[in-house]
N, C-alpha and C. Protein backbone atom coordinates (compact mmCIF):
# COMPACT_ATOMS: atom_id res chain seq x y z
N MET A 1 -21.41 -28.19 32.49
CA MET A 1 -21.59 -26.74 32.45
C MET A 1 -22.66 -25.77 33.61
N SER A 2 -22.32 -25.16 33.31
CA SER A 2 -22.93 -24.74 35.35
C SER A 2 -24.02 -23.41 34.31
N LYS A 3 -24.84 -23.49 35.24
CA LYS A 3 -25.73 -21.98 34.89
C LYS A 3 -25.47 -21.45 34.57
N ASP A 4 -24.76 -20.51 34.85
CA ASP A 4 -24.06 -19.13 34.51
C ASP A 4 -23.16 -19.00 33.64
N THR A 5 -22.50 -19.98 33.48
CA THR A 5 -21.67 -20.46 31.97
C THR A 5 -22.70 -20.63 31.16
N ALA A 6 -23.42 -21.36 30.74
CA ALA A 6 -24.60 -21.59 29.57
C ALA A 6 -25.47 -20.41 29.68
N GLN A 7 -25.84 -19.23 30.77
CA GLN A 7 -26.06 -17.97 30.26
C GLN A 7 -25.21 -16.84 29.48
N LEU A 8 -24.00 -17.14 30.17
CA LEU A 8 -23.11 -16.66 29.35
C LEU A 8 -22.09 -16.55 27.55
N LYS A 9 -23.24 -18.13 27.01
CA LYS A 9 -21.90 -18.51 26.44
C LYS A 9 -23.51 -18.05 25.40
N LYS A 10 -24.81 -17.89 26.25
CA LYS A 10 -26.13 -17.88 25.58
C LYS A 10 -26.03 -15.82 24.89
N ASP A 11 -25.98 -15.61 25.83
CA ASP A 11 -25.18 -13.70 25.55
C ASP A 11 -24.33 -13.00 24.61
N PHE A 12 -23.80 -14.01 24.84
CA PHE A 12 -22.28 -13.63 24.17
C PHE A 12 -21.60 -14.43 22.51
N ILE A 13 -20.88 -13.33 21.79
CA ILE A 13 -20.36 -14.21 20.77
C ILE A 13 -18.80 -14.59 20.20
N TYR A 14 -18.74 -15.91 20.71
CA TYR A 14 -16.84 -16.09 21.41
C TYR A 14 -16.15 -15.75 19.13
N VAL A 15 -15.81 -14.88 19.00
CA VAL A 15 -14.90 -14.46 18.50
C VAL A 15 -13.19 -15.39 18.25
N PRO A 16 -13.23 -16.79 17.68
CA PRO A 16 -11.72 -17.32 17.54
C PRO A 16 -10.08 -16.29 17.55
N THR A 17 -10.88 -15.74 16.30
CA THR A 17 -9.16 -15.18 16.32
C THR A 17 -9.31 -14.16 17.34
N LEU A 18 -9.78 -13.89 18.23
CA LEU A 18 -9.06 -12.92 18.67
C LEU A 18 -9.34 -13.98 20.78
N ASN A 19 -9.32 -14.54 20.50
CA ASN A 19 -10.02 -15.54 22.03
C ASN A 19 -11.14 -14.62 22.94
N LEU A 20 -11.67 -14.10 22.27
CA LEU A 20 -12.93 -12.98 23.30
C LEU A 20 -14.47 -13.50 22.70
N TYR A 21 -14.92 -12.99 23.46
CA TYR A 21 -16.36 -13.18 23.35
C TYR A 21 -17.02 -11.30 23.82
N PHE A 22 -17.75 -11.48 22.63
CA PHE A 22 -18.37 -10.04 22.39
C PHE A 22 -20.59 -10.42 22.73
N SER A 23 -20.96 -9.50 23.59
CA SER A 23 -21.88 -9.07 23.98
C SER A 23 -22.55 -9.17 22.31
N LYS A 24 -23.56 -10.03 22.70
CA LYS A 24 -24.46 -10.42 21.61
C LYS A 24 -25.70 -8.65 21.56
N LYS A 25 -26.20 -8.09 22.85
CA LYS A 25 -26.50 -7.03 23.18
C LYS A 25 -25.94 -5.91 23.61
N GLU A 26 -26.14 -5.08 22.55
CA GLU A 26 -25.64 -3.61 23.19
C GLU A 26 -25.65 -2.86 24.55
N ILE A 27 -24.98 -2.31 25.54
CA ILE A 27 -25.25 -2.27 27.05
C ILE A 27 -25.19 -0.67 26.74
N SER A 28 -26.30 -0.26 27.63
CA SER A 28 -26.14 1.45 27.84
C SER A 28 -26.36 2.22 29.15
N PHE A 29 -25.23 2.29 29.11
CA PHE A 29 -25.21 3.25 30.91
C PHE A 29 -25.63 4.37 30.58
N GLY A 30 -25.91 5.44 29.49
CA GLY A 30 -26.25 6.75 29.84
C GLY A 30 -25.55 7.69 30.17
N THR A 31 -23.91 7.52 29.73
CA THR A 31 -22.75 7.90 31.02
C THR A 31 -22.14 8.47 29.59
N THR A 32 -20.94 8.72 29.58
CA THR A 32 -19.84 9.62 28.94
C THR A 32 -19.30 8.49 28.51
N TRP A 33 -18.19 8.58 27.36
CA TRP A 33 -17.09 7.22 27.26
C TRP A 33 -15.94 6.42 28.73
N TYR A 34 -15.80 7.93 29.07
CA TYR A 34 -14.73 7.59 29.76
C TYR A 34 -15.61 6.63 31.69
N GLU A 35 -17.17 7.21 31.68
CA GLU A 35 -17.55 6.43 32.41
C GLU A 35 -18.32 5.15 32.30
N THR A 36 -18.21 4.88 31.09
CA THR A 36 -18.88 3.57 30.63
C THR A 36 -17.66 2.47 30.33
N ASN A 37 -16.63 3.33 30.03
CA ASN A 37 -15.36 2.27 29.82
C ASN A 37 -14.76 1.33 31.09
N LYS A 38 -14.86 2.61 32.29
CA LYS A 38 -15.07 1.85 33.95
C LYS A 38 -15.77 1.06 34.10
N LEU A 39 -17.49 1.73 33.94
CA LEU A 39 -18.62 1.12 34.37
C LEU A 39 -17.84 -0.66 33.85
N LEU A 40 -18.18 -1.02 32.65
CA LEU A 40 -17.60 -2.58 31.79
C LEU A 40 -16.66 -3.09 32.06
N GLN A 41 -15.15 -2.00 32.75
CA GLN A 41 -14.02 -2.70 33.68
C GLN A 41 -14.86 -3.43 35.39
N SER A 42 -15.44 -2.37 35.92
CA SER A 42 -15.35 -2.28 37.04
C SER A 42 -16.33 -4.43 36.97
N GLN A 43 -17.37 -4.64 35.63
CA GLN A 43 -18.30 -5.65 35.93
C GLN A 43 -17.22 -6.53 35.28
N GLY A 44 -15.74 -6.52 34.84
CA GLY A 44 -14.86 -8.03 33.90
C GLY A 44 -15.09 -8.03 32.84
N SER A 45 -15.51 -6.82 32.03
CA SER A 45 -15.30 -6.40 30.91
C SER A 45 -14.35 -5.32 30.48
N LYS A 46 -14.68 -5.34 28.99
CA LYS A 46 -13.77 -4.39 28.64
C LYS A 46 -14.74 -3.69 27.27
N MET A 47 -13.94 -2.37 26.52
CA MET A 47 -14.94 -1.68 25.22
C MET A 47 -13.97 -2.29 24.16
N PRO A 48 -14.40 -2.70 23.26
CA PRO A 48 -13.37 -3.02 21.81
C PRO A 48 -12.79 -2.18 21.46
N THR A 49 -11.69 -2.23 21.27
CA THR A 49 -10.70 -1.40 20.55
C THR A 49 -11.13 -1.50 18.74
N ILE A 50 -10.59 -0.96 17.86
CA ILE A 50 -11.15 -0.71 16.73
C ILE A 50 -10.96 -2.32 15.89
N PRO A 51 -9.62 -2.34 15.95
CA PRO A 51 -9.21 -3.43 15.51
C PRO A 51 -10.07 -4.66 16.08
N GLU A 52 -9.54 -5.13 16.95
CA GLU A 52 -11.03 -5.63 17.64
C GLU A 52 -11.53 -6.41 17.26
N TYR A 53 -13.09 -4.81 16.91
CA TYR A 53 -14.17 -4.74 16.70
C TYR A 53 -14.15 -5.41 14.87
N LEU A 54 -13.49 -4.58 14.50
CA LEU A 54 -13.43 -4.98 13.00
C LEU A 54 -13.29 -6.77 13.14
N GLU A 55 -12.50 -7.71 13.70
CA GLU A 55 -12.13 -8.12 13.60
C GLU A 55 -13.97 -9.54 14.06
N PHE A 56 -14.87 -8.51 14.80
CA PHE A 56 -16.69 -9.17 15.27
C PHE A 56 -17.10 -8.78 13.90
N LEU A 57 -16.87 -7.71 13.67
CA LEU A 57 -17.33 -7.59 11.80
C LEU A 57 -17.41 -8.46 11.09
N LYS A 58 -15.84 -8.93 10.96
CA LYS A 58 -15.65 -9.87 10.02
C LYS A 58 -16.27 -10.99 9.98
N HIS A 59 -16.28 -11.20 11.56
CA HIS A 59 -16.54 -12.99 12.19
C HIS A 59 -17.71 -12.96 11.87
N LEU A 60 -19.22 -12.40 12.06
CA LEU A 60 -20.16 -12.13 11.64
C LEU A 60 -20.73 -11.87 10.27
N LYS A 61 -20.26 -11.06 9.29
CA LYS A 61 -20.33 -11.05 8.08
C LYS A 61 -20.26 -12.37 7.60
N ASN A 62 -19.18 -13.50 8.06
CA ASN A 62 -18.79 -14.55 7.30
C ASN A 62 -18.91 -15.35 7.91
N SER A 63 -19.99 -15.31 8.84
CA SER A 63 -21.31 -16.43 9.39
C SER A 63 -21.58 -17.30 9.17
N LYS A 64 -21.78 -18.14 8.94
CA LYS A 64 -23.25 -19.50 8.52
C LYS A 64 -24.66 -19.21 9.44
N ASN A 65 -24.08 -18.44 10.34
CA ASN A 65 -25.29 -18.85 12.05
C ASN A 65 -26.27 -17.61 11.60
N GLN A 66 -28.19 -17.61 11.57
CA GLN A 66 -28.46 -16.34 11.36
C GLN A 66 -28.82 -15.18 12.35
N GLU A 67 -28.31 -15.95 12.95
CA GLU A 67 -28.67 -14.86 14.48
C GLU A 67 -27.17 -13.80 13.56
N GLU A 68 -26.71 -14.34 13.78
CA GLU A 68 -24.52 -13.87 14.02
C GLU A 68 -24.94 -12.47 12.86
N ILE A 69 -25.79 -12.91 11.64
CA ILE A 69 -25.94 -12.25 9.97
C ILE A 69 -26.56 -10.73 10.51
N GLY A 70 -27.72 -10.93 11.59
CA GLY A 70 -28.79 -10.44 11.11
C GLY A 70 -28.25 -9.53 12.17
N ILE A 71 -27.51 -9.48 13.56
CA ILE A 71 -26.85 -8.93 13.95
C ILE A 71 -25.61 -7.84 12.85
N TYR A 72 -25.09 -8.70 12.26
CA TYR A 72 -23.80 -7.75 11.66
C TYR A 72 -25.46 -6.58 10.26
N ARG A 73 -26.13 -7.32 10.31
CA ARG A 73 -26.67 -6.00 9.04
C ARG A 73 -27.50 -5.20 10.14
N GLU A 74 -27.57 -5.26 11.22
CA GLU A 74 -28.83 -4.33 12.42
C GLU A 74 -27.19 -3.29 12.64
N ILE A 75 -26.13 -3.49 12.48
CA ILE A 75 -24.50 -2.84 12.81
C ILE A 75 -24.10 -2.07 11.67
N ILE A 76 -24.46 -2.05 10.06
CA ILE A 76 -23.97 -1.73 9.82
C ILE A 76 -25.03 -1.04 8.26
N GLU A 77 -26.17 -2.02 8.28
CA GLU A 77 -26.86 -1.04 7.92
C GLU A 77 -27.78 0.10 8.57
N PRO A 78 -28.53 1.04 7.61
CA PRO A 78 -29.35 2.53 8.03
C PRO A 78 -30.50 1.41 7.96
N GLY A 79 -30.86 2.24 9.29
CA GLY A 79 -32.26 1.22 9.13
C GLY A 79 -33.25 2.75 10.29
N SER A 80 -34.04 2.27 10.78
CA SER A 80 -35.47 3.60 11.28
C SER A 80 -35.27 4.13 12.11
N PHE A 81 -34.15 3.62 13.23
CA PHE A 81 -33.29 4.68 14.31
C PHE A 81 -31.67 4.70 14.67
N PHE A 82 -31.58 4.74 15.50
CA PHE A 82 -29.80 5.28 15.86
C PHE A 82 -29.80 4.50 16.40
N ARG A 83 -28.18 3.52 15.90
CA ARG A 83 -27.73 3.15 17.16
C ARG A 83 -25.82 3.82 16.50
N GLY A 84 -25.60 3.30 18.04
CA GLY A 84 -24.13 3.85 18.17
C GLY A 84 -23.73 3.15 18.96
N GLU A 85 -22.33 2.69 18.58
CA GLU A 85 -21.23 2.19 19.47
C GLU A 85 -19.98 2.79 19.61
N TRP A 86 -19.19 3.21 21.07
CA TRP A 86 -18.15 3.36 20.99
C TRP A 86 -17.17 2.73 21.09
N LEU A 87 -16.29 2.97 20.95
CA LEU A 87 -14.88 1.79 20.18
C LEU A 87 -13.43 2.62 21.47
N ASP A 88 -13.19 1.92 21.44
CA ASP A 88 -11.58 2.05 22.80
C ASP A 88 -10.81 2.68 22.05
N ALA A 89 -10.67 3.60 21.30
CA ALA A 89 -10.07 4.63 20.77
C ALA A 89 -10.14 6.19 21.17
N VAL A 90 -8.99 6.93 22.13
CA VAL A 90 -9.15 8.10 21.81
C VAL A 90 -8.13 9.08 21.59
N PHE A 91 -8.00 9.83 20.70
CA PHE A 91 -7.26 10.58 19.91
C PHE A 91 -7.30 11.94 20.27
N ASN A 92 -5.63 12.55 20.10
CA ASN A 92 -5.22 13.86 20.33
C ASN A 92 -3.70 13.61 19.87
N VAL A 93 -3.13 15.56 20.60
CA VAL A 93 -2.51 15.50 19.86
C VAL A 93 -0.99 15.59 20.84
N LYS A 94 -0.30 15.17 20.82
CA LYS A 94 1.16 15.61 21.43
C LYS A 94 2.82 16.06 20.45
N ASN A 95 2.98 17.22 20.74
CA ASN A 95 4.15 17.42 19.97
C ASN A 95 3.91 17.80 18.50
N ASN A 96 3.08 17.92 18.38
CA ASN A 96 2.21 18.08 17.07
C ASN A 96 1.93 17.13 16.40
N LYS A 97 2.35 15.52 16.60
CA LYS A 97 2.21 14.91 16.03
C LYS A 97 0.80 13.99 16.34
N ASN A 98 -0.52 13.38 15.39
CA ASN A 98 -1.60 12.69 15.90
C ASN A 98 -1.79 11.77 16.40
N TYR A 99 -1.75 10.75 17.56
CA TYR A 99 -1.31 10.02 18.82
C TYR A 99 -3.42 9.23 19.02
N ILE A 100 -2.85 7.98 18.66
CA ILE A 100 -4.45 7.64 18.80
C ILE A 100 -3.79 6.51 20.83
N ASN A 101 -4.46 6.13 21.21
CA ASN A 101 -4.76 5.62 22.73
C ASN A 101 -5.67 4.95 22.59
N TYR A 102 -5.59 3.71 22.96
CA TYR A 102 -6.04 2.71 23.42
C TYR A 102 -6.14 1.66 24.18
N ASN A 103 -6.45 0.71 24.64
CA ASN A 103 -6.55 -0.26 25.63
C ASN A 103 -6.25 0.58 26.83
N HIS A 104 -7.88 1.17 27.29
CA HIS A 104 -7.62 1.16 28.10
C HIS A 104 -7.55 0.62 30.09
N ILE A 105 -6.60 1.01 30.85
CA ILE A 105 -7.60 0.20 32.12
C ILE A 105 -7.62 0.85 33.00
N LEU A 106 -7.69 0.49 34.24
CA LEU A 106 -8.14 1.67 35.62
C LEU A 106 -6.83 1.41 36.49
N ASP A 107 -6.11 2.32 36.58
CA ASP A 107 -5.03 2.34 37.78
C ASP A 107 -5.12 2.34 39.12
N SER A 108 -4.81 2.24 40.01
CA SER A 108 -4.96 1.98 40.80
C SER A 108 -5.40 3.60 42.10
N ASN A 109 -6.25 4.41 40.73
CA ASN A 109 -6.83 5.44 41.41
C ASN A 109 -7.86 5.71 40.53
N GLY A 110 -8.36 4.38 39.98
CA GLY A 110 -9.72 4.32 39.31
C GLY A 110 -9.29 5.09 38.15
N ASN A 111 -8.08 5.70 37.46
CA ASN A 111 -8.48 6.21 36.61
C ASN A 111 -7.93 5.79 35.47
N LEU A 112 -8.00 6.27 33.87
CA LEU A 112 -8.31 5.08 32.94
C LEU A 112 -7.13 5.98 32.12
N ILE A 113 -6.28 4.64 32.17
CA ILE A 113 -4.97 4.82 31.24
C ILE A 113 -4.62 3.94 30.63
N PRO A 114 -4.37 4.26 29.11
CA PRO A 114 -4.05 3.75 27.98
C PRO A 114 -3.37 2.69 27.57
N LYS A 115 -2.79 1.64 27.97
CA LYS A 115 -1.59 0.61 27.45
C LYS A 115 -0.99 0.62 26.12
N ASN A 116 -1.59 1.50 25.68
CA ASN A 116 -1.00 1.51 24.27
C ASN A 116 -0.88 2.90 23.97
N SER A 117 -0.44 4.41 23.52
CA SER A 117 -0.12 5.29 23.25
C SER A 117 0.73 5.48 21.77
N GLU A 118 0.33 5.74 20.44
CA GLU A 118 1.13 5.57 19.51
C GLU A 118 0.55 6.74 18.21
N ILE A 119 2.00 6.79 18.15
CA ILE A 119 1.72 7.44 16.39
C ILE A 119 0.29 7.17 16.14
N LEU A 120 0.04 7.55 15.29
CA LEU A 120 -1.44 7.21 13.86
C LEU A 120 -0.36 7.34 12.89
N ASP A 121 -0.84 5.66 12.45
CA ASP A 121 -0.08 5.31 11.15
C ASP A 121 -0.03 6.09 10.23
N GLU A 122 1.66 6.21 9.86
CA GLU A 122 1.17 7.00 8.21
C GLU A 122 0.49 7.16 7.30
N GLU A 123 -0.08 5.39 6.79
CA GLU A 123 -1.03 5.08 6.08
C GLU A 123 -2.30 5.44 6.16
N THR A 124 -2.55 6.22 7.51
CA THR A 124 -3.51 6.29 8.11
C THR A 124 -4.59 7.00 6.89
N LEU A 125 -5.73 6.88 6.79
CA LEU A 125 -6.52 8.26 6.23
C LEU A 125 -6.58 9.47 7.14
N MET A 126 -6.60 10.70 6.24
CA MET A 126 -6.59 11.78 7.10
C MET A 126 -6.98 12.75 6.85
N LYS A 127 -8.30 12.63 5.66
CA LYS A 127 -9.50 13.18 4.87
C LYS A 127 -10.88 12.33 5.48
N ASP A 128 -12.06 13.51 5.00
CA ASP A 128 -13.24 12.88 5.09
C ASP A 128 -13.66 11.95 3.51
N LYS A 129 -14.24 11.26 3.90
CA LYS A 129 -14.27 9.90 2.83
C LYS A 129 -15.44 9.49 3.08
N LYS A 130 -16.30 9.19 2.16
CA LYS A 130 -16.92 7.38 1.44
C LYS A 130 -15.84 6.33 1.46
N ILE A 131 -16.00 5.69 2.10
CA ILE A 131 -15.43 4.53 1.75
C ILE A 131 -16.09 3.03 1.61
N SER A 132 -15.56 2.23 1.73
CA SER A 132 -15.68 0.85 0.72
C SER A 132 -15.52 -0.03 2.86
N LEU A 133 -16.92 -0.15 3.04
CA LEU A 133 -16.78 -1.20 4.23
C LEU A 133 -16.22 -2.35 4.45
N GLU A 134 -15.88 -2.92 3.51
CA GLU A 134 -15.88 -4.58 2.94
C GLU A 134 -13.96 -4.42 2.54
N ASN A 135 -13.93 -3.02 1.67
CA ASN A 135 -12.08 -3.01 2.31
C ASN A 135 -11.64 -2.71 3.23
N TRP A 136 -11.74 -1.52 3.56
CA TRP A 136 -11.60 -1.41 5.20
C TRP A 136 -11.36 -2.74 6.34
N LEU A 137 -12.02 -3.26 5.84
CA LEU A 137 -12.24 -4.52 6.74
C LEU A 137 -11.24 -5.38 6.48
N GLU A 138 -11.04 -5.67 5.54
CA GLU A 138 -9.99 -6.38 4.92
C GLU A 138 -8.58 -5.54 5.24
N ASN A 139 -8.37 -4.34 4.44
CA ASN A 139 -7.04 -3.57 4.87
C ASN A 139 -7.05 -2.22 5.71
N PRO A 140 -7.48 -2.69 7.01
CA PRO A 140 -7.07 -1.41 7.76
C PRO A 140 -5.24 -1.00 7.75
N THR A 141 -5.22 0.25 8.65
CA THR A 141 -3.55 0.27 8.77
C THR A 141 -3.52 -0.71 10.57
N LYS A 142 -2.35 -1.36 11.21
CA LYS A 142 -2.49 -2.52 12.46
C LYS A 142 -3.30 -0.74 13.19
N GLN A 143 -2.85 -0.17 13.41
CA GLN A 143 -4.22 0.74 14.67
C GLN A 143 -6.18 0.43 13.93
N GLY A 144 -5.98 -0.39 12.97
CA GLY A 144 -7.54 -0.82 12.85
C GLY A 144 -8.04 0.57 11.80
N LEU A 145 -7.38 1.60 11.40
CA LEU A 145 -8.09 2.90 10.18
C LEU A 145 -8.16 2.74 9.20
N PRO A 146 -8.71 3.27 8.43
CA PRO A 146 -8.79 2.68 7.05
C PRO A 146 -7.07 3.53 6.35
N THR A 147 -6.86 3.13 5.56
CA THR A 147 -5.26 3.07 5.01
C THR A 147 -5.68 4.48 4.05
N LYS A 148 -4.99 5.46 3.26
CA LYS A 148 -4.40 6.27 2.46
C LYS A 148 -5.53 5.84 0.73
N ASN A 149 -5.19 4.56 0.81
CA ASN A 149 -5.59 4.21 -0.40
C ASN A 149 -6.83 3.20 -0.47
N VAL A 150 -7.98 3.51 0.69
CA VAL A 150 -9.24 2.60 0.91
C VAL A 150 -9.44 3.16 -0.76
N GLU A 151 -10.86 2.20 -0.74
CA GLU A 151 -11.86 2.26 -1.54
C GLU A 151 -13.11 2.84 -1.96
N LEU A 152 -13.44 3.42 -2.35
CA LEU A 152 -14.73 4.31 -2.51
C LEU A 152 -16.15 3.56 -2.03
N GLY A 153 -17.10 3.87 -0.98
CA GLY A 153 -17.37 2.50 -1.06
C GLY A 153 -18.91 3.95 -0.19
N ASN A 154 -19.83 3.71 0.15
CA ASN A 154 -20.92 3.78 0.74
C ASN A 154 -21.35 4.24 2.99
N LEU A 155 -19.53 3.93 3.24
CA LEU A 155 -19.60 4.02 4.66
C LEU A 155 -18.66 5.52 5.04
N TYR A 156 -18.78 6.28 5.34
CA TYR A 156 -18.61 7.75 5.88
C TYR A 156 -17.60 7.18 6.73
N TYR A 157 -16.44 8.35 6.63
CA TYR A 157 -15.88 8.18 7.79
C TYR A 157 -15.09 9.32 7.83
N TRP A 158 -14.83 10.07 9.04
CA TRP A 158 -14.37 11.03 9.54
C TRP A 158 -13.59 10.98 10.78
N TYR A 159 -12.40 11.05 9.63
CA TYR A 159 -10.75 11.55 10.53
C TYR A 159 -10.76 11.52 11.24
N PRO A 160 -9.84 11.71 12.44
CA PRO A 160 -9.10 11.92 13.67
C PRO A 160 -8.94 13.61 13.29
N ARG A 161 -10.08 14.17 14.45
CA ARG A 161 -9.09 15.36 14.56
C ARG A 161 -8.51 15.86 15.22
N GLY A 162 -7.67 17.08 14.70
CA GLY A 162 -6.27 17.32 15.75
C GLY A 162 -7.18 18.24 16.89
N TYR A 163 -8.35 18.35 17.66
CA TYR A 163 -8.14 18.74 19.03
C TYR A 163 -8.36 17.05 19.95
N ASN A 164 -8.26 17.53 20.75
CA ASN A 164 -7.40 16.76 22.02
C ASN A 164 -8.71 16.31 22.10
N ASN A 165 -8.66 14.51 22.64
CA ASN A 165 -9.55 13.73 23.50
C ASN A 165 -11.07 13.18 22.42
N SER A 166 -10.87 12.91 21.41
CA SER A 166 -12.21 12.71 20.54
C SER A 166 -11.82 11.17 20.21
N VAL A 167 -13.51 10.97 20.42
CA VAL A 167 -12.88 9.22 20.52
C VAL A 167 -13.77 8.74 19.54
N ALA A 168 -13.60 6.99 19.35
CA ALA A 168 -14.23 6.88 18.20
C ALA A 168 -15.45 5.97 17.95
N ARG A 169 -16.39 6.11 17.14
CA ARG A 169 -17.95 5.64 17.43
C ARG A 169 -17.95 4.86 15.89
N LEU A 170 -18.89 3.55 15.91
CA LEU A 170 -19.61 3.67 14.65
C LEU A 170 -21.31 3.75 14.86
N VAL A 171 -21.04 4.23 14.36
CA VAL A 171 -23.17 4.66 14.35
C VAL A 171 -23.84 4.96 12.91
N ALA A 172 -25.25 4.00 12.94
CA ALA A 172 -25.67 3.77 11.55
C ALA A 172 -27.65 4.74 12.28
N ASN A 173 -27.86 5.75 11.09
CA ASN A 173 -29.27 5.97 11.44
C ASN A 173 -30.00 5.50 10.60
N SER A 174 -30.88 6.13 9.71
CA SER A 174 -32.31 5.89 8.92
C SER A 174 -31.44 6.91 7.54
N ALA A 175 -30.23 7.35 7.76
CA ALA A 175 -29.55 7.98 5.91
C ALA A 175 -28.61 6.86 5.50
N PHE A 176 -27.43 6.98 6.78
CA PHE A 176 -26.28 6.53 6.37
C PHE A 176 -26.02 5.58 7.96
N THR A 177 -24.41 5.00 7.42
CA THR A 177 -23.48 4.22 8.59
C THR A 177 -22.08 5.33 8.37
N TYR A 178 -21.78 5.31 9.78
CA TYR A 178 -20.35 6.13 9.76
C TYR A 178 -19.67 6.31 10.77
N LEU A 179 -18.22 5.99 10.03
CA LEU A 179 -16.79 5.55 11.79
C LEU A 179 -16.63 6.71 11.72
N SER A 180 -17.13 7.31 12.71
CA SER A 180 -16.20 8.57 13.22
C SER A 180 -15.44 8.52 14.77
N CYS A 181 -13.85 9.48 14.05
CA CYS A 181 -13.34 9.20 14.69
C CYS A 181 -12.98 11.21 15.49
N GLY A 182 -14.25 12.11 15.52
CA GLY A 182 -13.29 12.59 15.97
C GLY A 182 -14.77 12.76 17.44
N ALA A 183 -15.58 12.10 17.58
CA ALA A 183 -16.52 11.98 19.01
C ALA A 183 -16.31 12.47 19.66
N ASN A 184 -17.67 13.42 20.60
CA ASN A 184 -17.63 13.97 21.42
C ASN A 184 -17.69 12.73 22.76
N PRO A 185 -16.84 12.99 23.73
CA PRO A 185 -16.36 11.79 24.51
C PRO A 185 -17.99 12.13 25.73
N SER A 186 -18.46 12.78 25.50
CA SER A 186 -19.71 13.31 26.52
C SER A 186 -20.75 12.83 26.57
N ASN A 187 -21.12 12.22 24.65
CA ASN A 187 -22.20 12.13 24.35
C ASN A 187 -23.16 11.24 25.30
N LEU A 188 -23.75 10.79 25.72
CA LEU A 188 -24.75 9.82 26.87
C LEU A 188 -25.83 9.41 25.72
N ASN A 189 -25.69 9.37 24.36
CA ASN A 189 -27.02 8.53 23.64
C ASN A 189 -25.97 7.56 22.83
N LEU A 190 -25.24 7.02 22.76
CA LEU A 190 -24.11 6.12 22.79
C LEU A 190 -24.28 4.50 23.79
N LYS A 191 -24.00 3.69 22.87
CA LYS A 191 -24.34 2.06 23.70
C LYS A 191 -22.63 1.60 23.72
N VAL A 192 -22.63 0.58 23.73
CA VAL A 192 -21.22 0.09 24.50
C VAL A 192 -21.77 -2.14 23.94
N ARG A 193 -20.57 -3.10 22.81
CA ARG A 193 -20.29 -4.06 23.29
C ARG A 193 -19.12 -4.54 24.81
N ALA A 194 -19.61 -5.35 25.20
CA ALA A 194 -18.87 -6.01 26.28
C ALA A 194 -18.43 -7.32 25.92
N ILE A 195 -16.95 -6.65 25.96
CA ILE A 195 -16.43 -8.53 25.45
C ILE A 195 -15.41 -8.26 26.93
N LYS A 196 -15.20 -10.47 26.45
CA LYS A 196 -14.77 -10.61 27.76
C LYS A 196 -13.43 -11.95 27.40
N LYS A 197 -12.54 -11.15 27.76
CA LYS A 197 -11.27 -12.93 27.90
C LYS A 197 -12.07 -14.12 27.59
N GLY A 198 -10.56 -15.14 27.08
CA GLY A 198 -10.90 -16.62 27.15
C GLY A 198 -12.04 -17.49 26.85
N ARG A 199 -12.34 -18.73 26.86
CA ARG A 199 -13.53 -18.99 27.04
C ARG A 199 -14.42 -19.28 28.35
N PHE A 200 -15.64 -19.42 28.28
CA PHE A 200 -16.41 -19.54 29.48
C PHE A 200 -15.87 -21.03 29.96
């Protein structure tokens, strides 16, 4: 094993169900959602989609590794400081239909283009609600969002708004944890967890 490969394995967590590696530490570029996504891809990484991030959380939650369990708690439990991570999902409205755009890639002109642009699943919960994190992890829509029949819990969920180009983020602060699907992509305070494909 090369020195670079050993370092990568040290800094990333492998999720076998996805064949993806997730960085143990969040990365902060101090830039917008769009610029963060571009910078990640210029470094050979990408931003996780909502379903990918859910699978990562499930992996951490069910892990026997104490470091991974600690990362899970750091992500989902309220604490003394603000933590927020961008997710690869942009929401907008076309022809009076709510869309989710994800799996963004850079085109030849350096523009971010979604490989997937879909009408929101009809089972998507479209109202603000305190939901069960565990139930969301086990029973999301195919696009990774909470369903209409998601159970009550302690995770705040803010549904995709009707205005164009809001983005997804998962945030924990001193009081509560929330999934926001109406976040401003220009917010500069969010971090991101880089993911890489395949085995090192």
